[in-house]
């Protein structure tokens, strides 16, 4: 016995929602980037400005995916600390700061 699953309605929903979801992700990624940079300034993690200037949203490679990263080797040490320096997290608090906005935006997106 064979079953056929008609996904045409789901495909139409995805086609309708994806552009709006992409816009939501773009805004949230920019908010995270701004929050991360703001925390770098607030925590006085600026020496040369390389860390601050390296934080950015990478160009979109896949649908519904955004990558916000720093481009310095020592960013991970700033975030989590080492045996010699205390952690001065900037990325994770920036992500946490937009969590409620993320949840609200996607909840709104899926409501009729």
C-alpha atoms as a PDB file:
ATOM      1  CA  UNK A   1       0.000   0.000   0.000  1.00  0.00           C
ATOM      2  CA  UNK A   2       1.353   3.431  -0.916  1.00  0.00           C
ATOM      3  CA  UNK A   3       0.456   6.739   0.650  1.00  0.00           C
ATOM      4  CA  UNK A   4       0.704  10.055  -1.118  1.00  0.00           C
ATOM      5  CA  UNK A   5       1.159  13.163   0.952  1.00  0.00           C
ATOM      6  CA  UNK A   6      -0.038  16.353  -0.694  1.00  0.00           C
ATOM      7  CA  UNK A   7       2.184  19.178   0.562  1.00  0.00           C
ATOM      8  CA  UNK A   8       0.861  21.844  -1.799  1.00  0.00           C
ATOM      9  CA  UNK A   9      -0.867  23.780   1.021  1.00  0.00           C
ATOM     10  CA  UNK A  10       2.275  23.696   3.140  1.00  0.00           C
ATOM     11  CA  UNK A  11       4.336  24.832   0.163  1.00  0.00           C
ATOM     12  CA  UNK A  12       2.009  27.824  -0.334  1.00  0.00           C
ATOM     13  CA  UNK A  13       2.280  28.724   3.359  1.00  0.00           C
ATOM     14  CA  UNK A  14       6.076  28.579   3.188  1.00  0.00           C
ATOM     15  CA  UNK A  15       6.108  30.706   0.034  1.00  0.00           C
ATOM     16  CA  UNK A  16       3.920  33.289   1.750  1.00  0.00           C
ATOM     17  CA  UNK A  17       5.753  33.369   5.095  1.00  0.00           C
ATOM     18  CA  UNK A  18       9.390  33.030   4.078  1.00  0.00           C
ATOM     19  CA  UNK A  19       9.907  36.591   2.765  1.00  0.00           C
ATOM     20  CA  UNK A  20       8.436  38.017   5.981  1.00  0.00           C
ATOM     21  CA  UNK A  21      10.513  35.642   8.101  1.00  0.00           C
ATOM     22  CA  UNK A  22      13.640  36.753   6.217  1.00  0.00           C
ATOM     23  CA  UNK A  23      12.864  40.395   7.035  1.00  0.00           C
ATOM     24  CA  UNK A  24      12.351  39.538  10.711  1.00  0.00           C
ATOM     25  CA  UNK A  25      15.674  37.676  10.818  1.00  0.00           C
ATOM     26  CA  UNK A  26      17.468  40.576   9.113  1.00  0.00           C
ATOM     27  CA  UNK A  27      16.208  43.011  11.755  1.00  0.00           C
ATOM     28  CA  UNK A  28      16.978  40.715  14.678  1.00  0.00           C
ATOM     29  CA  UNK A  29      20.487  40.037  13.342  1.00  0.00           C
ATOM     30  CA  UNK A  30      21.131  43.785  13.085  1.00  0.00           C
ATOM     31  CA  UNK A  31      19.775  44.226  16.629  1.00  0.00           C
ATOM     32  CA  UNK A  32      22.161  41.545  17.911  1.00  0.00           C
ATOM     33  CA  UNK A  33      25.075  43.153  16.081  1.00  0.00           C
ATOM     34  CA  UNK A  34      24.248  46.566  17.558  1.00  0.00           C
ATOM     35  CA  UNK A  35      23.818  45.105  21.051  1.00  0.00           C
ATOM     36  CA  UNK A  36      27.107  43.229  20.807  1.00  0.00           C
ATOM     37  CA  UNK A  37      28.960  46.365  19.742  1.00  0.00           C
ATOM     38  CA  UNK A  38      27.236  48.393  22.451  1.00  0.00           C
ATOM     39  CA  UNK A  39      28.355  45.921  25.091  1.00  0.00           C
ATOM     40  CA  UNK A  40      31.935  46.027  23.799  1.00  0.00           C
ATOM     41  CA  UNK A  41      31.877  49.779  24.354  1.00  0.00           C
ATOM     42  CA  UNK A  42      30.064  49.479  27.697  1.00  0.00           C
ATOM     43  CA  UNK A  43      32.468  46.837  29.040  1.00  0.00           C
ATOM     44  CA  UNK A  44      35.489  48.857  27.883  1.00  0.00           C
ATOM     45  CA  UNK A  45      36.788  45.988  25.759  1.00  0.00           C
ATOM     46  CA  UNK A  46      38.255  48.491  23.312  1.00  0.00           C
ATOM     47  CA  UNK A  47      41.982  48.724  22.853  1.00  0.00           C
ATOM     48  CA  UNK A  48      42.667  49.107  19.152  1.00  0.00           C
ATOM     49  CA  UNK A  49      39.038  48.960  18.028  1.00  0.00           C
ATOM     50  CA  UNK A  50      39.697  45.767  16.057  1.00  0.00           C
ATOM     51  CA  UNK A  51      37.224  43.696  18.092  1.00  0.00           C
ATOM     52  CA  UNK A  52      34.489  46.325  17.836  1.00  0.00           C
ATOM     53  CA  UNK A  53      35.013  46.834  14.122  1.00  0.00           C
ATOM     54  CA  UNK A  54      35.102  43.099  13.402  1.00  0.00           C
ATOM     55  CA  UNK A  55      31.593  42.333  14.683  1.00  0.00           C
ATOM     56  CA  UNK A  56      29.179  42.047  11.772  1.00  0.00           C
ATOM     57  CA  UNK A  57      26.292  40.149  10.225  1.00  0.00           C
ATOM     58  CA  UNK A  58      27.675  37.961   7.483  1.00  0.00           C
ATOM     59  CA  UNK A  59      25.972  38.060   4.083  1.00  0.00           C
ATOM     60  CA  UNK A  60      23.146  35.556   3.885  1.00  0.00           C
ATOM     61  CA  UNK A  61      24.281  32.178   2.556  1.00  0.00           C
ATOM     62  CA  UNK A  62      21.188  30.069   3.304  1.00  0.00           C
ATOM     63  CA  UNK A  63      17.517  30.925   3.623  1.00  0.00           C
ATOM     64  CA  UNK A  64      16.333  31.558   7.161  1.00  0.00           C
ATOM     65  CA  UNK A  65      19.874  31.664   8.544  1.00  0.00           C
ATOM     66  CA  UNK A  66      21.889  34.616   9.812  1.00  0.00           C
ATOM     67  CA  UNK A  67      25.413  34.524  11.220  1.00  0.00           C
ATOM     68  CA  UNK A  68      26.674  37.312  13.445  1.00  0.00           C
ATOM     69  CA  UNK A  69      30.351  36.957  14.292  1.00  0.00           C
ATOM     70  CA  UNK A  70      33.533  38.702  15.213  1.00  0.00           C
ATOM     71  CA  UNK A  71      36.660  38.518  13.125  1.00  0.00           C
ATOM     72  CA  UNK A  72      39.320  38.524  15.792  1.00  0.00           C
ATOM     73  CA  UNK A  73      41.035  35.485  17.261  1.00  0.00           C
ATOM     74  CA  UNK A  74      40.643  36.687  20.833  1.00  0.00           C
ATOM     75  CA  UNK A  75      36.886  37.324  20.751  1.00  0.00           C
ATOM     76  CA  UNK A  76      36.196  33.950  22.314  1.00  0.00           C
ATOM     77  CA  UNK A  77      38.520  34.817  25.203  1.00  0.00           C
ATOM     78  CA  UNK A  78      36.681  38.083  25.791  1.00  0.00           C
ATOM     79  CA  UNK A  79      33.374  36.202  25.836  1.00  0.00           C
ATOM     80  CA  UNK A  80      34.341  33.286  28.082  1.00  0.00           C
ATOM     81  CA  UNK A  81      37.534  34.397  29.814  1.00  0.00           C
ATOM     82  CA  UNK A  82      40.742  32.471  30.380  1.00  0.00           C
ATOM     83  CA  UNK A  83      42.753  31.387  33.376  1.00  0.00           C
ATOM     84  CA  UNK A  84      44.286  34.879  33.341  1.00  0.00           C
ATOM     85  CA  UNK A  85      41.402  37.178  32.454  1.00  0.00           C
ATOM     86  CA  UNK A  86      37.784  37.244  33.563  1.00  0.00           C
ATOM     87  CA  UNK A  87      35.037  36.804  31.020  1.00  0.00           C
ATOM     88  CA  UNK A  88      33.547  39.989  29.622  1.00  0.00           C
ATOM     89  CA  UNK A  89      30.632  38.568  27.624  1.00  0.00           C
ATOM     90  CA  UNK A  90      29.218  40.745  24.878  1.00  0.00           C
ATOM     91  CA  UNK A  91      27.780  38.338  22.288  1.00  0.00           C
ATOM     92  CA  UNK A  92      25.629  36.134  24.516  1.00  0.00           C
ATOM     93  CA  UNK A  93      23.955  39.056  26.347  1.00  0.00           C
ATOM     94  CA  UNK A  94      23.200  40.633  22.963  1.00  0.00           C
ATOM     95  CA  UNK A  95      21.486  37.443  21.827  1.00  0.00           C
ATOM     96  CA  UNK A  96      19.561  37.154  25.089  1.00  0.00           C
ATOM     97  CA  UNK A  97      18.427  40.769  24.781  1.00  0.00           C
ATOM     98  CA  UNK A  98      16.548  40.015  21.541  1.00  0.00           C
ATOM     99  CA  UNK A  99      15.138  36.625  22.578  1.00  0.00           C
ATOM    100  CA  UNK A 100      11.729  38.036  23.567  1.00  0.00           C
ATOM    101  CA  UNK A 101      11.582  40.073  20.364  1.00  0.00           C
ATOM    102  CA  UNK A 102      12.446  36.955  18.381  1.00  0.00           C
ATOM    103  CA  UNK A 103       9.730  34.905  20.056  1.00  0.00           C
ATOM    104  CA  UNK A 104       7.154  37.670  19.654  1.00  0.00           C
ATOM    105  CA  UNK A 105       8.016  38.318  16.002  1.00  0.00           C
ATOM    106  CA  UNK A 106       7.742  34.686  14.998  1.00  0.00           C
ATOM    107  CA  UNK A 107       4.600  34.136  17.045  1.00  0.00           C
ATOM    108  CA  UNK A 108       3.035  37.107  15.253  1.00  0.00           C
ATOM    109  CA  UNK A 109       4.261  35.825  11.912  1.00  0.00           C
ATOM    110  CA  UNK A 110       2.422  32.527  12.309  1.00  0.00           C
ATOM    111  CA  UNK A 111      -0.841  33.982  13.582  1.00  0.00           C
ATOM    112  CA  UNK A 112      -3.533  34.606  10.967  1.00  0.00           C
END
